[in-house]
Each structure stands twice: as structure tokens, then as C-alpha cells.
Amino acid sequence: MHTNLIVSRRYSEFFTLLQVLKKEFSQFVFPKLPPKWPFKLNAVRLDNRRRGLELWLDTLCSVRFIVAHDAMLEFLQQGKYAPPETERKEEDVSVAVEFVAYNQLVSLEMKACVTVESAIQMIGEKLRLSRRARVFFAVFERMEGRFYRKLSSRDRPAHLSLRDPKPVLCFRKWLFSPTKELSLKNDPAAINLFYQHAKEQIRYPGFEVTDEIERLLDVENKIGLLEVVSRNPASTAVFFPECGCDAHKSGQVVLSVRRDGLVLIATNGNGELTGKTTMFEWREITETDYDDDDMFFSFRYRRGEKDRWVRLSSDHFEYIQECVKRVQTERRWPDEQQFNTSAEAGPAPAASPAKAKPSAKPSAKPSAKPSAKPSAKPSAQTTQKTGPTSQSTADPEPDQYSTSDDDGL
């Protein structure tokens, strides 16, 4: 007997369901979700997407072993969707969990209920990190390529390690401030981890490996290398996988969150960098925003007469926002002023009462050229104000990225 169910679900919840099912049934070929539209949805597009999601769900529900899975059953229930995790009876079971700390492997026995926050302390003790240094590290999951996704402090490593395929969990630096790095010179364990991180960062875009850096690497001068690479804002940057951009000419970019601003690096759509970069300093960025329904991160910038919104379509929109918030917090630390491009780090992020709609029509969207100018600002779930700030009287750091007259947008 066929039964019609009516439940309210957001696009992001469909996406979460798909990720859970893919991990459980890795050999099954899942249908693709209807594509996201980077601009405001009108009634027609909204109805088309709803129909597409219903068809997608009907297709999956026709497969017996999928419709009987706990994740699907939970999804079809009324109320907010929370994907089921490992059975509660495993809470008190100890599990062996491995963490890659750059060039070291840390193995720990931990209960399934242990959170990432507690795991950090356990790993730090194993590595003989001082308590002061542990707050500058976090647990990440290694994804495709060289991207590491930061886990929430409430995630449970033991549960994650039970997934198939087993994820690679890593203990890595969670810090944009070179000042804090160098303040831990007397902590050899921390300096070693910072050094290993710096060795990775110099291979990313925005870095020129000079003869001085090569010499410091040859003799393993850890403090010396950290002092040299700290001059470049890319030394502590987080690079995100290729994502759609509604305002960039290429339609696809790689986003870099740095201590001095955001950098968009254009790609050819196949993940290859074209060399075209656009830099947005924090003093130019007035607001940031993310939409947890359509999975977008947005920021507003002012440059001369221009006042625009830029929207990025990324599965990692929440992590992008978390990086932005972390940078803004660090920029308010007293000893960070020498590295800021402005004399003030700006006010603490605060809710914005309203935003102006984009002042210019984007030239491209993530997957296809838009047919009409967006009629309103990005739909917001959370908004942060990040500036602007006053110009410093001191000379700013030299920037290896150039910005053309048209901002590259």
C-alpha cells in the first residue's frame, strides 16, 4: 500500500541525508540532487526545485535497503532532521582511534562518547604539548586533495572512526596568528607542529620558495623558518576546494581565508588555477553572511564607489564562516596589531539589521550564466559585521596578490 508523507525539509538536510547514505552504501549509484541556484529563488524556480527533490526522494524510497535504513526513516519523520549516529549502546565501548599529527601518529583508546574537545586534551598530553599551546590546535578530517575539514568540538572521533571507509582524522594547527606561534618558542612540541605545518603551506599558491627558505629547510632551523614564512600572509591561510562564485568571470574559484583578508583565485572549472587573483582586505569587507539552506557563504565589500555582495557556493560554507570569525577574533588580540593592515581590527561581529541588495549584475553563476539580475540581497541565516576599519599609519605588509581596476569581478 502506497502512503503519502508530508514533511518539511531544507535543501541542506537533503544534502546531509545523501552524505550519510553514501557512506553506508558506497557501491550504490545515487541519483544527483537537483542543482542549487545561486540567486534568490522566484516562485517558479522554487516549485521546480521542490518537484525535483520529491522525485529524488521517491527514487531512493523505491530501493528497499535504503528506505529501511535508519537515516531515511529519521528523515521521513516530522520534526528537525538529525541523522542517526552509532547505536547508543556503544557509548561506553572503548575504541582505538588514530590521529595523524603531521609527521607523527597518535593512537588513543577512547570511549565512543568522548568529544573532540576532550580528544584535543588527550592528544596534547600524548604529544607533550603545553596546555597553553593546545588551544591553538583542533581535529580535522582529511578530505580529497589537500583539504582538511575542521570538526566541531561536539563531534565524537570514536563514532567517526567507525565509518566505512574509515576517515583519516588529523591533529592540526588552528591558528592564523604568526605572533602566537613565535610566542611558543619554549614549547618544542608546539614548534615542531608549527614547523611541519609551515612546510606544507609553502607549497600552496601565493608562496615563493626562496633560497633562504630552502636553506632553513635543509638545516631544519624551525624557529628561523617560522620567522621567515610569517612575513607572508599566506603562511597561515586556509584554502578551500573549488567552488562556484556568482560574481567572478570564470564562475569557479578557490577561496583562501588569510589573516589579512579573503583571496579569490580563478580556475578553469576543472580545478586548475588560472593565476587570476582578487584580494579583499578586511578593512574593505563590511559584512559576512551564510545561508545554511542553500549552502552559500557571502561577503559584502566596499571599494571606492563600489558596494557589492559576493556569493560563494560551497559545501564548506559553515567552515568558511568559522575561519572568518576566528581571524576577526585574532585580529583583536593586542599583539596582532603589527600584522594587521589597519590600525584597528574592527568591531566584534554583530548581527546586521539589514543589507543593501547587490549593486551590480553578476557576470556568471556556479554552473550556468544567470538569465536575470538578482532582485534582492543574498538570503541570510546569519550575518556578521567585520568592519570597515581605519587605515594604519604604518606601511602595510607587501601583498603578492594584485587586484585589477575591475576587481576581477
Protein backbone atom coordinates (compact mmCIF):
# COMPACT_ATOMS: atom_id res chain seq x y z
CA MET A 1 0.00 0.00 0.00
CA HIS A 2 1.41 3.40 -1.04
CA THR A 3 1.40 6.10 1.64
CA ASN A 4 1.91 9.82 1.06
CA LEU A 5 4.04 11.55 3.68
CA ILE A 6 4.29 15.31 4.08
CA VAL A 7 7.36 16.58 5.92
CA SER A 8 9.18 19.89 5.70
CA ARG A 9 12.87 19.63 4.83
CA ARG A 10 15.53 22.13 3.76
CA TYR A 11 17.91 21.61 0.87
CA SER A 12 20.83 21.24 3.29
CA GLU A 13 19.00 18.39 5.05
CA PHE A 14 18.62 16.53 1.74
CA PHE A 15 22.35 17.03 1.22
CA THR A 16 23.14 15.68 4.71
CA LEU A 17 20.96 12.63 4.09
CA LEU A 18 22.76 11.92 0.82
CA GLN A 19 26.19 12.10 2.51
CA VAL A 20 25.09 9.68 5.26
CA LEU A 21 23.67 7.19 2.77
CA LYS A 22 26.74 7.38 0.52
CA LYS A 23 28.94 6.40 3.44
CA GLU A 24 26.69 3.45 4.28
CA PHE A 25 26.21 2.24 0.69
CA SER A 26 29.43 3.21 -1.07
CA GLN A 27 28.82 0.85 -4.01
CA PHE A 28 25.34 2.18 -4.79
CA VAL A 29 25.00 4.77 -7.56
CA PHE A 30 22.85 7.54 -6.09
CA PRO A 31 20.88 9.95 -8.27
CA LYS A 32 22.11 13.53 -8.21
CA LEU A 33 20.32 16.16 -6.19
CA PRO A 34 18.69 18.97 -8.17
CA PRO A 35 21.28 21.73 -8.68
CA LYS A 36 21.35 24.78 -6.44
CA TRP A 37 20.50 28.22 -7.83
CA PRO A 38 22.94 30.90 -6.55
CA PHE A 39 20.42 33.75 -6.56
CA LYS A 40 17.05 34.48 -4.99
CA LEU A 41 14.51 31.82 -5.92
CA ASN A 42 11.30 33.02 -7.51
CA ALA A 43 8.07 31.03 -7.19
CA VAL A 44 8.66 29.08 -10.41
CA ARG A 45 12.22 28.05 -9.57
CA LEU A 46 11.22 27.20 -6.00
CA ASP A 47 8.42 24.93 -7.24
CA ASN A 48 10.75 23.28 -9.78
CA ARG A 49 13.30 22.55 -7.09
CA ARG A 50 10.63 21.15 -4.77
CA ARG A 51 9.43 18.82 -7.51
CA GLY A 52 12.98 17.77 -8.26
CA LEU A 53 13.66 16.96 -4.60
CA GLU A 54 10.42 14.98 -4.35
CA LEU A 55 11.36 12.95 -7.41
CA TRP A 56 14.85 12.36 -5.98
CA LEU A 57 13.37 11.16 -2.69
CA ASP A 58 10.82 8.91 -4.42
CA THR A 59 13.64 7.31 -6.39
CA LEU A 60 15.57 6.45 -3.23
CA CYS A 61 12.47 5.24 -1.40
CA SER A 62 11.89 2.72 -4.16
CA VAL A 63 15.07 0.92 -3.05
CA ARG A 64 14.21 -1.41 -0.16
CA PHE A 65 17.51 -1.41 1.71
CA ILE A 66 17.69 2.41 1.55
CA VAL A 67 14.12 3.16 2.64
CA ALA A 68 14.62 0.77 5.58
CA HIS A 69 17.82 2.49 6.72
CA ASP A 70 17.67 4.44 10.00
CA ALA A 71 18.82 7.66 8.33
CA MET A 72 15.96 7.54 5.81
CA LEU A 73 13.39 6.59 8.44
CA GLU A 74 14.52 9.50 10.60
CA PHE A 75 14.40 11.84 7.59
CA LEU A 76 10.79 10.89 6.86
CA GLN A 77 9.66 11.67 10.40
CA GLN A 78 8.20 15.02 11.41
CA GLY A 79 10.49 17.42 13.24
CA LYS A 80 14.04 18.60 12.71
CA TYR A 81 16.21 16.06 10.92
CA ALA A 82 19.22 14.75 12.85
CA PRO A 83 20.99 11.84 11.13
CA PRO A 84 21.26 8.85 13.46
CA GLU A 85 24.71 8.00 14.70
CA THR A 86 26.17 4.78 16.06
CA GLU A 87 23.79 2.97 18.37
CA ARG A 88 23.64 4.35 21.89
CA LYS A 89 24.72 1.03 23.37
CA GLU A 90 28.20 1.74 22.04
CA GLU A 91 28.54 4.86 24.22
CA ASP A 92 30.59 3.07 26.87
CA VAL A 93 32.65 0.95 24.49
CA SER A 94 36.32 1.89 24.15
CA VAL A 95 37.53 2.31 20.58
CA ALA A 96 41.07 2.62 19.22
CA VAL A 97 41.31 5.90 17.31
CA GLU A 98 44.30 7.13 15.34
CA PHE A 99 45.18 10.77 14.69
CA VAL A 100 47.77 11.98 12.20
CA ALA A 101 49.72 14.88 13.70
CA TYR A 102 51.71 15.86 10.62
CA ASN A 103 54.75 13.54 10.81
CA GLN A 104 53.53 11.68 13.90
CA LEU A 105 50.82 9.10 14.50
CA VAL A 106 48.92 9.24 17.80
CA SER A 107 46.88 6.20 18.84
CA LEU A 108 44.37 6.53 21.66
CA GLU A 109 41.81 4.31 23.34
CA MET A 110 38.70 6.39 23.93
CA LYS A 111 35.05 5.84 24.68
CA ALA A 112 32.51 6.49 21.97
CA CYS A 113 31.08 9.39 23.96
CA VAL A 114 34.37 11.35 24.06
CA THR A 115 34.07 14.65 22.17
CA VAL A 116 36.68 16.38 20.01
CA GLU A 117 37.17 18.95 22.76
CA SER A 118 38.27 16.21 25.16
CA ALA A 119 40.24 14.39 22.47
CA ILE A 120 42.37 17.50 21.90
CA GLN A 121 43.47 17.41 25.53
CA MET A 122 44.27 13.70 25.27
CA ILE A 123 46.30 14.17 22.09
CA GLY A 124 48.06 17.20 23.54
CA GLU A 125 49.10 15.22 26.60
CA LYS A 126 50.37 12.38 24.42
CA LEU A 127 52.44 14.82 22.34
CA ARG A 128 53.59 16.67 25.48
CA LEU A 129 52.06 19.92 24.33
CA SER A 130 51.68 22.57 27.00
CA ARG A 131 48.12 23.42 27.99
CA ARG A 132 48.70 26.92 26.68
CA ALA A 133 49.53 25.55 23.22
CA ARG A 134 46.65 23.07 22.99
CA VAL A 135 44.08 25.81 22.41
CA PHE A 136 45.76 26.54 19.07
CA PHE A 137 45.07 23.07 17.68
CA ALA A 138 41.97 21.22 16.50
CA VAL A 139 40.90 17.91 14.99
CA PHE A 140 40.30 17.74 11.25
CA GLU A 141 39.17 15.16 8.73
CA ARG A 142 41.34 14.83 5.65
CA MET A 143 39.25 15.19 2.52
CA GLU A 144 40.12 14.86 -1.16
CA GLY A 145 43.27 16.61 -2.29
CA ARG A 146 45.00 18.63 0.41
CA PHE A 147 41.87 19.94 2.11
CA TYR A 148 41.21 19.37 5.80
CA ARG A 149 37.71 19.87 7.23
CA LYS A 150 37.67 21.07 10.81
CA LEU A 151 35.46 19.01 13.13
CA SER A 152 33.10 20.56 15.62
CA SER A 153 34.13 20.47 19.28
CA ARG A 154 30.99 18.36 19.88
CA ASP A 155 31.85 15.70 17.27
CA ARG A 156 32.92 12.31 18.58
CA PRO A 157 36.08 10.86 16.99
CA ALA A 158 35.27 7.28 18.01
CA HIS A 159 31.93 7.41 16.20
CA LEU A 160 33.57 8.88 13.12
CA SER A 161 36.27 6.21 13.10
CA LEU A 162 33.60 3.51 12.79
CA ARG A 163 32.51 4.78 9.40
CA ASP A 164 33.26 2.84 6.26
CA PRO A 165 35.51 3.86 4.63
CA LYS A 166 37.38 4.87 7.75
CA PRO A 167 38.15 8.62 7.75
CA VAL A 168 41.65 9.99 8.30
CA LEU A 169 41.49 12.14 11.43
CA CYS A 170 44.25 14.70 11.88
CA PHE A 171 45.53 16.90 14.70
CA ARG A 172 46.50 20.21 13.14
CA LYS A 173 47.09 23.86 13.84
CA TRP A 174 44.01 26.07 14.27
CA LEU A 175 45.66 29.47 14.29
CA PHE A 176 46.16 32.35 11.86
CA SER A 177 48.44 34.44 14.11
CA PRO A 178 52.20 34.15 13.50
CA THR A 179 52.75 36.16 16.68
CA LYS A 180 51.20 33.41 18.80
CA GLU A 181 53.29 30.79 17.00
CA LEU A 182 56.53 32.58 17.80
CA SER A 183 55.44 33.24 21.39
CA LEU A 184 55.64 29.46 21.98
CA LYS A 185 59.36 29.19 21.23
CA ASN A 186 59.91 27.44 24.55
CA ASP A 187 57.42 24.69 23.69
CA PRO A 188 59.38 22.29 21.44
CA ALA A 189 56.35 20.09 20.75
CA ALA A 190 54.29 23.07 19.53
CA ILE A 191 57.15 24.50 17.48
CA ASN A 192 57.65 21.14 15.76
CA LEU A 193 53.97 21.01 14.76
CA PHE A 194 54.03 24.63 13.55
CA TYR A 195 57.18 23.84 11.57
CA GLN A 196 55.56 20.83 9.88
CA HIS A 197 52.54 23.00 9.03
CA ALA A 198 54.77 25.70 7.53
CA LYS A 199 56.47 23.08 5.33
CA GLU A 200 53.04 22.25 3.89
CA GLN A 201 51.92 25.87 3.46
CA ILE A 202 54.90 26.96 1.35
CA ARG A 203 53.72 24.56 -1.36
CA TYR A 204 50.39 26.37 -1.72
CA PRO A 205 49.61 29.27 -4.14
CA GLY A 206 50.90 32.67 -3.02
CA PHE A 207 54.27 31.41 -1.83
CA GLU A 208 57.67 31.70 -3.46
CA VAL A 209 60.16 29.24 -2.01
CA THR A 210 63.28 31.40 -1.82
CA ASP A 211 66.88 30.30 -1.38
CA GLU A 212 66.65 31.42 2.26
CA ILE A 213 63.66 29.13 2.86
CA GLU A 214 65.43 26.22 1.15
CA ARG A 215 68.49 26.77 3.33
CA LEU A 216 66.40 26.82 6.53
CA LEU A 217 64.67 23.62 5.46
CA ASP A 218 67.99 21.90 4.76
CA VAL A 219 69.29 22.57 8.27
CA GLU A 220 65.84 22.13 9.89
CA ASN A 221 66.00 25.55 11.50
CA LYS A 222 62.43 25.52 12.79
CA ILE A 223 62.30 28.91 14.50
CA GLY A 224 64.12 30.52 11.60
CA LEU A 225 61.67 29.09 9.06
CA LEU A 226 58.65 30.24 11.08
CA GLU A 227 60.10 33.74 11.34
CA VAL A 228 60.66 33.95 7.58
CA VAL A 229 57.35 32.50 6.40
CA SER A 230 55.40 34.61 8.90
CA ARG A 231 56.14 37.64 6.70
CA ASN A 232 53.76 36.22 4.10
CA PRO A 233 50.03 36.30 5.00
CA ALA A 234 49.57 33.07 3.00
CA SER A 235 51.64 31.22 5.62
CA THR A 236 48.59 30.65 7.82
CA ALA A 237 45.88 30.67 5.13
CA VAL A 238 43.14 28.08 4.73
CA PHE A 239 42.50 27.09 1.11
CA PHE A 240 39.06 25.71 0.25
CA PRO A 241 38.19 23.39 -2.65
CA GLU A 242 36.98 24.86 -5.91
CA CYS A 243 33.55 26.42 -5.51
CA GLY A 244 31.01 28.41 -7.51
CA CYS A 245 31.13 32.20 -7.41
CA ASP A 246 28.21 34.30 -8.65
CA ALA A 247 30.37 37.35 -9.35
CA HIS A 248 33.60 36.03 -10.82
CA LYS A 249 34.13 36.00 -14.56
CA SER A 250 35.24 32.36 -14.58
CA GLY A 251 32.31 31.21 -12.44
CA GLN A 252 34.62 28.95 -10.40
CA VAL A 253 37.20 30.00 -7.80
CA VAL A 254 39.39 28.72 -5.00
CA LEU A 255 38.84 30.69 -1.80
CA SER A 256 41.67 31.45 0.59
CA VAL A 257 40.94 32.83 4.07
CA ARG A 258 44.00 34.70 5.31
CA ARG A 259 44.84 36.88 8.27
CA ASP A 260 44.82 39.97 6.01
CA GLY A 261 41.65 39.22 4.02
CA LEU A 262 39.92 36.94 1.54
CA VAL A 263 41.50 35.90 -1.76
CA LEU A 264 39.62 34.51 -4.76
CA ILE A 265 41.78 32.55 -7.20
CA ALA A 266 40.09 31.91 -10.55
CA THR A 267 40.04 28.39 -12.01
CA ASN A 268 39.15 26.99 -15.41
CA GLY A 269 36.29 24.92 -13.98
CA ASN A 270 38.40 21.77 -13.78
CA GLY A 271 40.23 22.71 -10.61
CA GLU A 272 43.23 24.19 -12.40
CA LEU A 273 44.27 27.67 -11.28
CA THR A 274 44.42 30.34 -13.98
CA GLY A 275 46.63 32.70 -11.99
CA LYS A 276 44.00 35.45 -11.80
CA THR A 277 43.56 36.50 -8.18
CA THR A 278 41.42 39.08 -6.41
CA MET A 279 42.25 40.28 -2.92
CA PHE A 280 39.71 41.71 -0.45
CA GLU A 281 41.27 43.23 2.66
CA TRP A 282 39.37 43.01 5.93
CA ARG A 283 39.03 46.79 6.06
CA GLU A 284 37.07 46.57 2.78
CA ILE A 285 34.77 43.75 3.92
CA THR A 286 31.82 45.18 5.83
CA GLU A 287 29.63 42.11 6.35
CA THR A 288 29.74 38.34 6.04
CA ASP A 289 26.79 36.01 5.80
CA TYR A 290 25.94 32.37 5.25
CA ASP A 291 22.79 30.53 4.24
CA ASP A 292 22.51 27.05 5.77
CA ASP A 293 19.62 26.15 3.46
CA ASP A 294 21.24 26.73 0.07
CA MET A 295 24.79 26.34 1.45
CA PHE A 296 26.24 29.71 0.48
CA PHE A 297 28.82 31.96 2.08
CA SER A 298 28.55 35.64 1.19
CA PHE A 299 30.51 38.77 1.93
CA ARG A 300 29.93 42.44 1.21
CA TYR A 301 32.79 44.77 0.33
CA ARG A 302 33.20 48.46 -0.33
CA ARG A 303 35.93 49.73 -2.62
CA GLY A 304 35.70 53.32 -3.77
CA GLU A 305 32.23 53.81 -5.21
CA LYS A 306 31.58 50.08 -5.34
CA ASP A 307 29.39 48.38 -2.75
CA ARG A 308 28.83 44.75 -3.72
CA TRP A 309 27.91 41.32 -2.42
CA VAL A 310 29.86 38.24 -3.50
CA ARG A 311 28.31 34.79 -3.00
CA LEU A 312 30.20 31.51 -2.92
CA SER A 313 28.50 28.15 -3.31
CA SER A 314 30.39 25.65 -1.13
CA ASP A 315 29.64 22.53 0.87
CA HIS A 316 32.00 24.01 3.46
CA PHE A 317 30.12 27.30 3.96
CA GLU A 318 30.00 26.87 7.74
CA TYR A 319 33.72 26.21 7.98
CA ILE A 320 34.40 29.31 5.86
CA GLN A 321 32.35 31.39 8.28
CA GLU A 322 34.14 29.81 11.22
CA CYS A 323 37.53 30.74 9.71
CA VAL A 324 36.36 34.32 9.18
CA LYS A 325 35.17 34.58 12.78
CA ARG A 326 38.47 33.12 14.02
CA VAL A 327 40.52 35.65 12.03
CA GLN A 328 38.39 38.53 13.33
CA THR A 329 38.88 37.31 16.89
CA GLU A 330 42.65 37.01 16.48
CA ARG A 331 42.92 40.44 14.86
CA ARG A 332 41.60 41.94 18.08
CA TRP A 333 44.41 40.37 20.12
CA PRO A 334 46.73 43.20 21.29
CA ASP A 335 49.91 41.64 19.93
CA GLU A 336 48.41 41.21 16.45
CA GLN A 337 48.40 44.91 15.50
CA GLN A 338 51.79 44.68 13.80
CA PHE A 339 50.34 42.17 11.33
CA ASN A 340 47.06 43.99 10.63
CA THR A 341 46.71 46.08 7.51
CA SER A 342 44.72 48.62 9.50
CA ALA A 343 45.33 50.19 12.87
CA GLU A 344 42.13 48.74 14.29
CA ALA A 345 40.85 45.21 13.93
CA GLY A 346 37.28 46.46 13.73
CA PRO A 347 34.30 45.88 15.98
CA ALA A 348 33.25 42.45 17.11
CA PRO A 349 30.99 40.66 14.62
CA ALA A 350 27.39 41.63 15.25
CA ALA A 351 24.00 40.96 13.75
CA SER A 352 23.18 43.28 10.89
CA PRO A 353 19.67 44.78 10.80
CA ALA A 354 19.58 44.98 7.04
CA LYS A 355 21.68 44.73 3.89
CA ALA A 356 21.55 46.50 0.58
CA LYS A 357 20.99 44.37 -2.47
CA PRO A 358 23.94 43.82 -4.80
CA SER A 359 24.66 46.91 -6.87
CA ALA A 360 25.83 45.11 -9.99
CA LYS A 361 24.68 42.15 -12.02
CA PRO A 362 27.00 39.16 -11.59
CA SER A 363 28.67 38.00 -14.77
CA ALA A 364 28.45 34.29 -14.02
CA LYS A 365 26.96 31.75 -11.67
CA PRO A 366 28.50 28.49 -10.46
CA SER A 367 27.21 26.27 -13.25
CA ALA A 368 25.44 28.42 -15.83
CA LYS A 369 25.04 32.03 -16.81
CA PRO A 370 22.12 33.69 -15.00
CA SER A 371 19.30 34.95 -17.14
CA ALA A 372 18.34 37.85 -14.93
CA LYS A 373 19.77 40.22 -12.39
CA PRO A 374 19.15 39.08 -8.82
CA SER A 375 16.29 41.01 -7.34
CA ALA A 376 17.43 41.02 -3.73
CA LYS A 377 20.34 40.52 -1.41
CA PRO A 378 21.52 37.01 -0.51
CA SER A 379 19.02 35.20 1.71
CA ALA A 380 20.59 35.27 5.14
CA GLN A 381 20.55 32.97 8.08
CA THR A 382 23.43 34.54 10.00
CA THR A 383 25.19 37.84 9.39
CA GLN A 384 28.47 39.14 10.77
CA LYS A 385 29.76 42.71 10.55
CA THR A 386 33.51 42.77 10.08
CA GLY A 387 34.44 46.41 9.59
CA PRO A 388 35.32 48.69 7.99
CA THR A 389 38.39 49.94 9.88
CA SER A 390 40.65 52.96 9.70
CA GLN A 391 43.86 52.95 7.65
CA SER A 392 47.09 52.35 9.51
CA THR A 393 49.81 54.98 9.58
CA ALA A 394 52.35 52.20 9.33
CA ASP A 395 53.21 50.69 5.97
CA PRO A 396 51.15 47.53 5.35
CA GLU A 397 52.77 44.21 4.53
CA PRO A 398 53.62 43.75 0.86
CA ASP A 399 50.98 41.60 -0.82
CA GLN A 400 51.85 39.10 -3.51
CA TYR A 401 48.35 39.34 -4.96
CA SER A 402 47.34 42.09 -7.32
CA THR A 403 43.88 43.48 -7.87
CA SER A 404 42.87 44.87 -11.25
CA ASP A 405 40.79 48.02 -11.72
CA ASP A 406 37.63 45.98 -12.22
CA ASP A 407 38.35 43.84 -9.12
CA GLY A 408 38.42 40.80 -11.39
CA LEU A 409 34.65 40.52 -10.96
